[in-house]
PDB file of all heavy atoms in Angstrom:
ATOM      1  N   ALA A   1      96.956 -35.461-114.593  1.00  0.00           N
ATOM      2  CA  ALA A   1      96.081 -35.639-113.468  1.00  0.00           C
ATOM      3  C   ALA A   1      96.095 -34.462-112.531  1.00  0.00           C
ATOM      4  O   ALA A   1      95.062 -34.009-112.046  1.00  0.00           O
ATOM      5  CB  ALA A   1      96.453 -36.947-112.732  1.00  0.00           C
ATOM      6  N   ILE A   2      97.292 -33.952-112.263  1.00  0.00           N
ATOM      7  CA  ILE A   2      97.424 -32.815-111.376  1.00  0.00           C
ATOM      8  C   ILE A   2      96.763 -31.580-111.941  1.00  0.00           C
ATOM      9  O   ILE A   2      96.053 -30.846-111.251  1.00  0.00           O
ATOM     10  CB  ILE A   2      98.903 -32.587-111.066  1.00  0.00           C
ATOM     11  CG1 ILE A   2      99.490 -33.720-110.221  1.00  0.00           C
ATOM     12  CG2 ILE A   2      99.147 -31.243-110.366  1.00  0.00           C
ATOM     13  CD1 ILE A   2     100.956 -33.698-110.075  1.00  0.00           C
ATOM     14  N   ALA A   3      96.954 -31.350-113.225  1.00  0.00           N
ATOM     15  CA  ALA A   3      96.367 -30.199-113.904  1.00  0.00           C
ATOM     16  C   ALA A   3      94.839 -30.288-113.905  1.00  0.00           C
ATOM     17  O   ALA A   3      94.150 -29.280-113.780  1.00  0.00           O
ATOM     18  CB  ALA A   3      96.892 -30.043-115.310  1.00  0.00           C
ATOM     19  N   ALA A   4      94.335 -31.511-114.084  1.00  0.00           N
ATOM     20  CA  ALA A   4      92.875 -31.663-114.129  1.00  0.00           C
ATOM     21  C   ALA A   4      92.287 -31.409-112.743  1.00  0.00           C
ATOM     22  O   ALA A   4      91.082 -31.005-112.688  1.00  0.00           O
ATOM     23  CB  ALA A   4      92.547 -33.099-114.529  1.00  0.00           C
ATOM     24  N   LEU A   5      93.008 -31.550-111.657  1.00  0.00           N
ATOM     25  CA  LEU A   5      92.504 -31.308-110.347  1.00  0.00           C
ATOM     26  C   LEU A   5      92.688 -29.848-109.926  1.00  0.00           C
ATOM     27  O   LEU A   5      92.291 -29.496-108.799  1.00  0.00           O
ATOM     28  CB  LEU A   5      93.180 -32.212-109.329  1.00  0.00           C
ATOM     29  CG  LEU A   5      92.894 -33.706-109.482  1.00  0.00           C
ATOM     30  CD1 LEU A   5      93.771 -34.525-108.520  1.00  0.00           C
ATOM     31  CD2 LEU A   5      91.442 -34.030-109.290  1.00  0.00           C
ATOM     32  N   GLY A   6      93.291 -29.030-110.733  1.00  0.00           N
ATOM     33  CA  GLY A   6      93.478 -27.620-110.436  1.00  0.00           C
ATOM     34  C   GLY A   6      94.715 -27.339-109.627  1.00  0.00           C
ATOM     35  O   GLY A   6      94.838 -26.195-109.088  1.00  0.00           O
ATOM     36  N   LEU A   7      95.649 -28.244-109.516  1.00  0.00           N
ATOM     37  CA  LEU A   7      96.896 -28.019-108.789  1.00  0.00           C
ATOM     38  C   LEU A   7      97.996 -27.557-109.771  1.00  0.00           C
ATOM     39  O   LEU A   7      97.849 -27.672-111.018  1.00  0.00           O
ATOM     40  CB  LEU A   7      97.386 -29.306-108.085  1.00  0.00           C
ATOM     41  CG  LEU A   7      96.455 -29.828-106.966  1.00  0.00           C
ATOM     42  CD1 LEU A   7      96.964 -31.200-106.501  1.00  0.00           C
ATOM     43  CD2 LEU A   7      96.468 -28.855-105.779  1.00  0.00           C
ATOM     44  N   ASP A   8      99.037 -27.031-109.195  1.00  0.00           N
ATOM     45  CA  ASP A   8     100.180 -26.548-109.978  1.00  0.00           C
ATOM     46  C   ASP A   8     101.230 -27.659-110.051  1.00  0.00           C
ATOM     47  O   ASP A   8     101.771 -28.056-109.005  1.00  0.00           O
ATOM     48  CB  ASP A   8     100.795 -25.313-109.362  1.00  0.00           C
ATOM     49  CG  ASP A   8     101.879 -24.682-110.262  1.00  0.00           C
ATOM     50  OD1 ASP A   8     102.371 -25.362-111.162  1.00  0.00           O
ATOM     51  OD2 ASP A   8     102.234 -23.492-110.036  1.00  0.00           O
ATOM     52  N   PRO A   9     101.457 -28.267-111.235  1.00  0.00           N
ATOM     53  CA  PRO A   9     102.445 -29.382-111.303  1.00  0.00           C
ATOM     54  C   PRO A   9     103.847 -28.988-110.879  1.00  0.00           C
ATOM     55  O   PRO A   9     104.647 -29.827-110.570  1.00  0.00           O
ATOM     56  CB  PRO A   9     102.394 -29.778-112.759  1.00  0.00           C
ATOM     57  CG  PRO A   9     101.111 -29.234-113.289  1.00  0.00           C
ATOM     58  CD  PRO A   9     100.867 -27.973-112.528  1.00  0.00           C
ATOM     59  N   GLY A  10     104.197 -27.743-110.919  1.00  0.00           N
ATOM     60  CA  GLY A  10     105.547 -27.322-110.582  1.00  0.00           C
ATOM     61  C   GLY A  10     105.837 -27.169-109.111  1.00  0.00           C
ATOM     62  O   GLY A  10     107.021 -27.098-108.724  1.00  0.00           O
ATOM     63  N   LEU A  11     104.822 -27.014-108.241  1.00  0.00           N
ATOM     64  CA  LEU A  11     105.045 -26.811-106.818  1.00  0.00           C
ATOM     65  C   LEU A  11     105.032 -28.157-106.073  1.00  0.00           C
ATOM     66  O   LEU A  11     103.990 -28.698-105.760  1.00  0.00           O
ATOM     67  CB  LEU A  11     103.974 -25.894-106.242  1.00  0.00           C
ATOM     68  CG  LEU A  11     103.941 -24.467-106.778  1.00  0.00           C
ATOM     69  CD1 LEU A  11     102.813 -23.658-106.167  1.00  0.00           C
ATOM     70  CD2 LEU A  11     105.283 -23.772-106.475  1.00  0.00           C
ATOM     71  N   GLY A  12     106.232 -28.732-105.898  1.00  0.00           N
ATOM     72  CA  GLY A  12     106.317 -30.039-105.262  1.00  0.00           C
ATOM     73  C   GLY A  12     106.387 -29.975-103.786  1.00  0.00           C
ATOM     74  O   GLY A  12     106.550 -28.926-103.138  1.00  0.00           O
ATOM     75  N   VAL A  13     106.296 -31.142-103.141  1.00  0.00           N
ATOM     76  CA  VAL A  13     106.421 -31.286-101.696  1.00  0.00           C
ATOM     77  C   VAL A  13     107.695 -32.069-101.321  1.00  0.00           C
ATOM     78  O   VAL A  13     108.256 -31.859-100.266  1.00  0.00           O
ATOM     79  CB  VAL A  13     105.198 -31.983-101.112  1.00  0.00           C
ATOM     80  CG1 VAL A  13     103.972 -31.116-101.277  1.00  0.00           C
ATOM     81  CG2 VAL A  13     104.955 -33.360-101.722  1.00  0.00           C
ATOM     82  N   LEU A  14     108.111 -32.989-102.193  1.00  0.00           N
ATOM     83  CA  LEU A  14     109.310 -33.790-101.893  1.00  0.00           C
ATOM     84  C   LEU A  14     110.463 -33.409-102.791  1.00  0.00           C
ATOM     85  O   LEU A  14     111.569 -33.203-102.355  1.00  0.00           O
ATOM     86  CB  LEU A  14     108.997 -35.257-102.029  1.00  0.00           C
ATOM     87  CG  LEU A  14     110.134 -36.262-101.801  1.00  0.00           C
ATOM     88  CD1 LEU A  14     110.545 -36.183-100.346  1.00  0.00           C
ATOM     89  CD2 LEU A  14     109.701 -37.670-102.136  1.00  0.00           C
ATOM     90  N   HIS A  15     110.213 -33.343-104.084  1.00  0.00           N
ATOM     91  CA  HIS A  15     111.289 -32.964-105.037  1.00  0.00           C
ATOM     92  C   HIS A  15     111.529 -31.449-104.985  1.00  0.00           C
ATOM     93  O   HIS A  15     110.590 -30.654-104.822  1.00  0.00           O
ATOM     94  CB  HIS A  15     110.895 -33.391-106.477  1.00  0.00           C
ATOM     95  CG  HIS A  15     110.929 -34.855-106.675  1.00  0.00           C
ATOM     96  ND1 HIS A  15     109.939 -35.698-106.240  1.00  0.00           N
ATOM     97  CD2 HIS A  15     111.869 -35.674-107.241  1.00  0.00           C
ATOM     98  CE1 HIS A  15     110.228 -36.938-106.564  1.00  0.00           C
ATOM     99  NE2 HIS A  15     111.407 -36.972-107.146  1.00  0.00           N
ATOM    100  N   VAL A  16     112.755 -31.094-105.196  1.00  0.00           N
ATOM    101  CA  VAL A  16     113.136 -29.698-105.187  1.00  0.00           C
ATOM    102  C   VAL A  16     112.582 -29.022-106.434  1.00  0.00           C
ATOM    103  O   VAL A  16     112.601 -29.584-107.544  1.00  0.00           O
ATOM    104  CB  VAL A  16     114.674 -29.552-105.134  1.00  0.00           C
ATOM    105  CG1 VAL A  16     115.071 -28.106-105.189  1.00  0.00           C
ATOM    106  CG2 VAL A  16     115.218 -30.172-103.841  1.00  0.00           C
ATOM    107  N   ASP A  17     112.076 -27.805-106.261  1.00  0.00           N
ATOM    108  CA  ASP A  17     111.508 -27.067-107.371  1.00  0.00           C
ATOM    109  C   ASP A  17     112.633 -26.631-108.326  1.00  0.00           C
ATOM    110  O   ASP A  17     113.590 -25.979-107.872  1.00  0.00           O
ATOM    111  CB  ASP A  17     110.748 -25.833-106.904  1.00  0.00           C
ATOM    112  CG  ASP A  17     109.550 -26.198-106.040  1.00  0.00           C
ATOM    113  OD1 ASP A  17     109.049 -27.329-106.227  1.00  0.00           O
ATOM    114  OD2 ASP A  17     109.131 -25.379-105.205  1.00  0.00           O
ATOM    115  N   THR A  18     112.517 -27.009-109.579  1.00  0.00           N
ATOM    116  CA  THR A  18     113.511 -26.584-110.596  1.00  0.00           C
ATOM    117  C   THR A  18     112.738 -26.156-111.808  1.00  0.00           C
ATOM    118  O   THR A  18     111.584 -26.564-112.090  1.00  0.00           O
ATOM    119  CB  THR A  18     114.430 -27.751-110.990  1.00  0.00           C
ATOM    120  OG1 THR A  18     113.706 -28.793-111.559  1.00  0.00           O
ATOM    121  CG2 THR A  18     115.191 -28.264-109.746  1.00  0.00           C
ATOM    122  N   PRO A  19     113.360 -25.296-112.673  1.00  0.00           N
ATOM    123  CA  PRO A  19     112.650 -24.854-113.842  1.00  0.00           C
ATOM    124  C   PRO A  19     112.546 -25.917-114.975  1.00  0.00           C
ATOM    125  O   PRO A  19     111.907 -25.694-116.020  1.00  0.00           O
ATOM    126  CB  PRO A  19     113.459 -23.611-114.355  1.00  0.00           C
ATOM    127  CG  PRO A  19     114.807 -23.914-113.804  1.00  0.00           C
ATOM    128  CD  PRO A  19     114.611 -24.612-112.485  1.00  0.00           C
ATOM    129  N   THR A  20     113.191 -27.067-114.833  1.00  0.00           N
ATOM    130  CA  THR A  20     113.245 -28.045-115.854  1.00  0.00           C
ATOM    131  C   THR A  20     112.347 -29.262-115.640  1.00  0.00           C
ATOM    132  O   THR A  20     112.381 -30.186-116.387  1.00  0.00           O
ATOM    133  CB  THR A  20     114.707 -28.579-116.015  1.00  0.00           C
ATOM    134  OG1 THR A  20     115.098 -29.170-114.748  1.00  0.00           O
ATOM    135  CG2 THR A  20     115.639 -27.483-116.404  1.00  0.00           C
ATOM    136  N   ARG A  21     111.552 -29.272-114.600  1.00  0.00           N
ATOM    137  CA  ARG A  21     110.666 -30.355-114.340  1.00  0.00           C
ATOM    138  C   ARG A  21     109.480 -29.909-113.509  1.00  0.00           C
ATOM    139  O   ARG A  21     109.492 -28.870-112.832  1.00  0.00           O
ATOM    140  CB  ARG A  21     111.376 -31.539-113.599  1.00  0.00           C
ATOM    141  CG  ARG A  21     111.702 -31.178-112.149  1.00  0.00           C
ATOM    142  CD  ARG A  21     112.404 -32.310-111.430  1.00  0.00           C
ATOM    143  NE  ARG A  21     112.738 -31.932-110.049  1.00  0.00           N
ATOM    144  CZ  ARG A  21     113.627 -32.565-109.354  1.00  0.00           C
ATOM    145  NH1 ARG A  21     114.367 -33.574-109.892  1.00  0.00           N
ATOM    146  NH2 ARG A  21     113.908 -32.191-108.102  1.00  0.00           N
ATOM    147  N   ASP A  22     108.429 -30.725-113.527  1.00  0.00           N
ATOM    148  CA  ASP A  22     107.262 -30.502-112.680  1.00  0.00           C
ATOM    149  C   ASP A  22     107.399 -31.348-111.406  1.00  0.00           C
ATOM    150  O   ASP A  22     107.185 -32.556-111.436  1.00  0.00           O
ATOM    151  CB  ASP A  22     105.978 -30.849-113.411  1.00  0.00           C
ATOM    152  CG  ASP A  22     105.714 -29.898-114.596  1.00  0.00           C
ATOM    153  OD1 ASP A  22     106.141 -28.738-114.463  1.00  0.00           O
ATOM    154  OD2 ASP A  22     105.076 -30.312-115.598  1.00  0.00           O
ATOM    155  N   SER A  23     107.750 -30.679-110.352  1.00  0.00           N
ATOM    156  CA  SER A  23     108.142 -31.414-109.122  1.00  0.00           C
ATOM    157  C   SER A  23     106.976 -32.167-108.509  1.00  0.00           C
ATOM    158  O   SER A  23     107.126 -33.327-108.024  1.00  0.00           O
ATOM    159  CB  SER A  23     108.714 -30.423-108.079  1.00  0.00           C
ATOM    160  OG  SER A  23     109.867 -29.803-108.568  1.00  0.00           O
ATOM    161  N   LEU A  24     105.758 -31.567-108.523  1.00  0.00           N
ATOM    162  CA  LEU A  24     104.612 -32.282-107.944  1.00  0.00           C
ATOM    163  C   LEU A  24     104.274 -33.528-108.725  1.00  0.00           C
ATOM    164  O   LEU A  24     103.850 -34.543-108.193  1.00  0.00           O
ATOM    165  CB  LEU A  24     103.412 -31.345-107.859  1.00  0.00           C
ATOM    166  CG  LEU A  24     102.222 -31.928-107.114  1.00  0.00           C
ATOM    167  CD1 LEU A  24     102.582 -32.289-105.668  1.00  0.00           C
ATOM    168  CD2 LEU A  24     101.030 -30.971-107.168  1.00  0.00           C
ATOM    169  N   ALA A  25     104.427 -33.461-110.080  1.00  0.00           N
ATOM    170  CA  ALA A  25     104.218 -34.660-110.852  1.00  0.00           C
ATOM    171  C   ALA A  25     105.191 -35.767-110.530  1.00  0.00           C
ATOM    172  O   ALA A  25     104.777 -36.952-110.418  1.00  0.00           O
ATOM    173  CB  ALA A  25     104.332 -34.295-112.354  1.00  0.00           C
ATOM    174  N   CYS A  26     106.420 -35.419-110.235  1.00  0.00           N
ATOM    175  CA  CYS A  26     107.419 -36.432-109.797  1.00  0.00           C
ATOM    176  C   CYS A  26     107.069 -37.000-108.385  1.00  0.00           C
ATOM    177  O   CYS A  26     107.267 -38.136-108.104  1.00  0.00           O
ATOM    178  CB  CYS A  26     108.802 -35.800-109.780  1.00  0.00           C
ATOM    179  SG  CYS A  26     109.432 -35.288-111.394  1.00  0.00           S
ATOM    180  N   ASP A  27     106.440 -36.126-107.539  1.00  0.00           N
ATOM    181  CA  ASP A  27     106.028 -36.601-106.260  1.00  0.00           C
ATOM    182  C   ASP A  27     104.896 -37.595-106.338  1.00  0.00           C
ATOM    183  O   ASP A  27     104.878 -38.656-105.742  1.00  0.00           O
ATOM    184  CB  ASP A  27     105.580 -35.410-105.358  1.00  0.00           C
ATOM    185  CG  ASP A  27     106.688 -34.477-105.039  1.00  0.00           C
ATOM    186  OD1 ASP A  27     107.890 -34.867-105.150  1.00  0.00           O
ATOM    187  OD2 ASP A  27     106.457 -33.293-104.712  1.00  0.00           O
ATOM    188  N   VAL A  28     103.855 -37.268-107.148  1.00  0.00           N
ATOM    189  CA  VAL A  28     102.684 -38.085-107.246  1.00  0.00           C
ATOM    190  C   VAL A  28     102.965 -39.436-107.888  1.00  0.00           C
ATOM    191  O   VAL A  28     102.347 -40.421-107.564  1.00  0.00           O
ATOM    192  CB  VAL A  28     101.622 -37.295-108.038  1.00  0.00           C
ATOM    193  CG1 VAL A  28     100.423 -38.187-108.399  1.00  0.00           C
ATOM    194  CG2 VAL A  28     101.107 -36.100-107.268  1.00  0.00           C
ATOM    195  N   MET A  29     103.952 -39.502-108.754  1.00  0.00           N
ATOM    196  CA  MET A  29     104.237 -40.766-109.445  1.00  0.00           C
ATOM    197  C   MET A  29     105.052 -41.728-108.558  1.00  0.00           C
ATOM    198  O   MET A  29     105.220 -42.902-108.928  1.00  0.00           O
ATOM    199  CB  MET A  29     105.012 -40.501-110.709  1.00  0.00           C
ATOM    200  CG  MET A  29     106.343 -39.800-110.570  1.00  0.00           C
ATOM    201  SD  MET A  29     107.138 -39.441-112.127  1.00  0.00           S
ATOM    202  CE  MET A  29     107.785 -41.033-112.617  1.00  0.00           C
ATOM    203  N   GLU A  30     105.580 -41.281-107.430  1.00  0.00           N
ATOM    204  CA  GLU A  30     106.425 -42.123-106.604  1.00  0.00           C
ATOM    205  C   GLU A  30     105.747 -43.402-106.163  1.00  0.00           C
ATOM    206  O   GLU A  30     106.349 -44.516-106.292  1.00  0.00           O
ATOM    207  CB  GLU A  30     106.897 -41.347-105.341  1.00  0.00           C
ATOM    208  CG  GLU A  30     107.923 -40.256-105.656  1.00  0.00           C
ATOM    209  CD  GLU A  30     109.259 -40.823-106.136  1.00  0.00           C
ATOM    210  OE1 GLU A  30     109.589 -41.980-105.843  1.00  0.00           O
ATOM    211  OE2 GLU A  30     109.938 -40.120-106.901  1.00  0.00           O
ATOM    212  N   PRO A  31     104.512 -43.407-105.638  1.00  0.00           N
ATOM    213  CA  PRO A  31     103.901 -44.697-105.257  1.00  0.00           C
ATOM    214  C   PRO A  31     103.635 -45.627-106.411  1.00  0.00           C
ATOM    215  O   PRO A  31     103.468 -46.868-106.169  1.00  0.00           O
ATOM    216  CB  PRO A  31     102.548 -44.243-104.599  1.00  0.00           C
ATOM    217  CG  PRO A  31     102.747 -42.822-104.257  1.00  0.00           C
ATOM    218  CD  PRO A  31     103.659 -42.281-105.280  1.00  0.00           C
ATOM    219  N   ILE A  32     103.611 -45.148-107.627  1.00  0.00           N
ATOM    220  CA  ILE A  32     103.305 -46.016-108.776  1.00  0.00           C
ATOM    221  C   ILE A  32     104.565 -46.563-109.405  1.00  0.00           C
ATOM    222  O   ILE A  32     104.513 -47.488-110.260  1.00  0.00           O
ATOM    223  CB  ILE A  32     102.498 -45.191-109.849  1.00  0.00           C
ATOM    224  CG1 ILE A  32     101.365 -44.412-109.147  1.00  0.00           C
ATOM    225  CG2 ILE A  32     101.837 -46.158-110.859  1.00  0.00           C
ATOM    226  CD1 ILE A  32     100.395 -45.292-108.361  1.00  0.00           C
ATOM    227  N   ARG A  33     105.730 -46.078-109.036  1.00  0.00           N
ATOM    228  CA  ARG A  33     106.947 -46.603-109.596  1.00  0.00           C
ATOM    229  C   ARG A  33     107.133 -48.098-109.422  1.00  0.00           C
ATOM    230  O   ARG A  33     107.552 -48.815-110.362  1.00  0.00           O
ATOM    231  CB  ARG A  33     108.162 -45.841-109.023  1.00  0.00           C
ATOM    232  CG  ARG A  33     108.364 -44.457-109.517  1.00  0.00           C
ATOM    233  CD  ARG A  33     109.571 -43.799-108.870  1.00  0.00           C
ATOM    234  NE  ARG A  33     109.777 -42.445-109.296  1.00  0.00           N
ATOM    235  CZ  ARG A  33     110.619 -42.083-110.310  1.00  0.00           C
ATOM    236  NH1 ARG A  33     111.222 -42.983-110.977  1.00  0.00           N
ATOM    237  NH2 ARG A  33     110.762 -40.800-110.625  1.00  0.00           N
ATOM    238  N   PRO A  34     106.851 -48.690-108.223  1.00  0.00           N
ATOM    239  CA  PRO A  34     106.954 -50.166-108.106  1.00  0.00           C
ATOM    240  C   PRO A  34     106.053 -50.911-109.073  1.00  0.00           C
ATOM    241  O   PRO A  34     106.433 -52.028-109.480  1.00  0.00           O
ATOM    242  CB  PRO A  34     106.537 -50.410-106.644  1.00  0.00           C
ATOM    243  CG  PRO A  34     106.830 -49.140-105.937  1.00  0.00           C
ATOM    244  CD  PRO A  34     106.506 -48.015-106.932  1.00  0.00           C
ATOM    245  N   GLU A  35     104.934 -50.385-109.491  1.00  0.00           N
ATOM    246  CA  GLU A  35     104.079 -51.035-110.434  1.00  0.00           C
ATOM    247  C   GLU A  35     104.760 -51.064-111.841  1.00  0.00           C
ATOM    248  O   GLU A  35     104.656 -52.074-112.552  1.00  0.00           O
ATOM    249  CB  GLU A  35     102.706 -50.353-110.514  1.00  0.00           C
ATOM    250  CG  GLU A  35     101.910 -50.413-109.231  1.00  0.00           C
ATOM    251  CD  GLU A  35     100.543 -49.821-109.386  1.00  0.00           C
ATOM    252  OE1 GLU A  35      99.996 -49.810-110.517  1.00  0.00           O
ATOM    253  OE2 GLU A  35      99.959 -49.396-108.388  1.00  0.00           O
ATOM    254  N   VAL A  36     105.399 -49.960-112.163  1.00  0.00           N
ATOM    255  CA  VAL A  36     106.182 -49.899-113.437  1.00  0.00           C
ATOM    256  C   VAL A  36     107.335 -50.937-113.373  1.00  0.00           C
ATOM    257  O   VAL A  36     107.594 -51.648-114.309  1.00  0.00           O
ATOM    258  CB  VAL A  36     106.671 -48.524-113.698  1.00  0.00           C
ATOM    259  CG1 VAL A  36     107.523 -48.478-114.948  1.00  0.00           C
ATOM    260  CG2 VAL A  36     105.506 -47.550-113.839  1.00  0.00           C
ATOM    261  N   ASP A  37     108.000 -50.937-112.195  1.00  0.00           N
ATOM    262  CA  ASP A  37     109.124 -51.924-112.012  1.00  0.00           C
ATOM    263  C   ASP A  37     108.665 -53.329-112.161  1.00  0.00           C
ATOM    264  O   ASP A  37     109.325 -54.186-112.773  1.00  0.00           O
ATOM    265  CB  ASP A  37     109.776 -51.675-110.658  1.00  0.00           C
ATOM    266  CG  ASP A  37     110.312 -50.280-110.447  1.00  0.00           C
ATOM    267  OD1 ASP A  37     110.526 -49.591-111.474  1.00  0.00           O
ATOM    268  OD2 ASP A  37     110.487 -49.901-109.287  1.00  0.00           O
TER     269      ASP A  37
END
């Protein structure tokens, strides 16, 4: 979803930027975690 909107999945706002994950993807999925739970 992030890539389709033209954003960089690796530049997060909440999660720390690391070379092993896409931080912005982890940020965006936070509100949906309770639905998975």
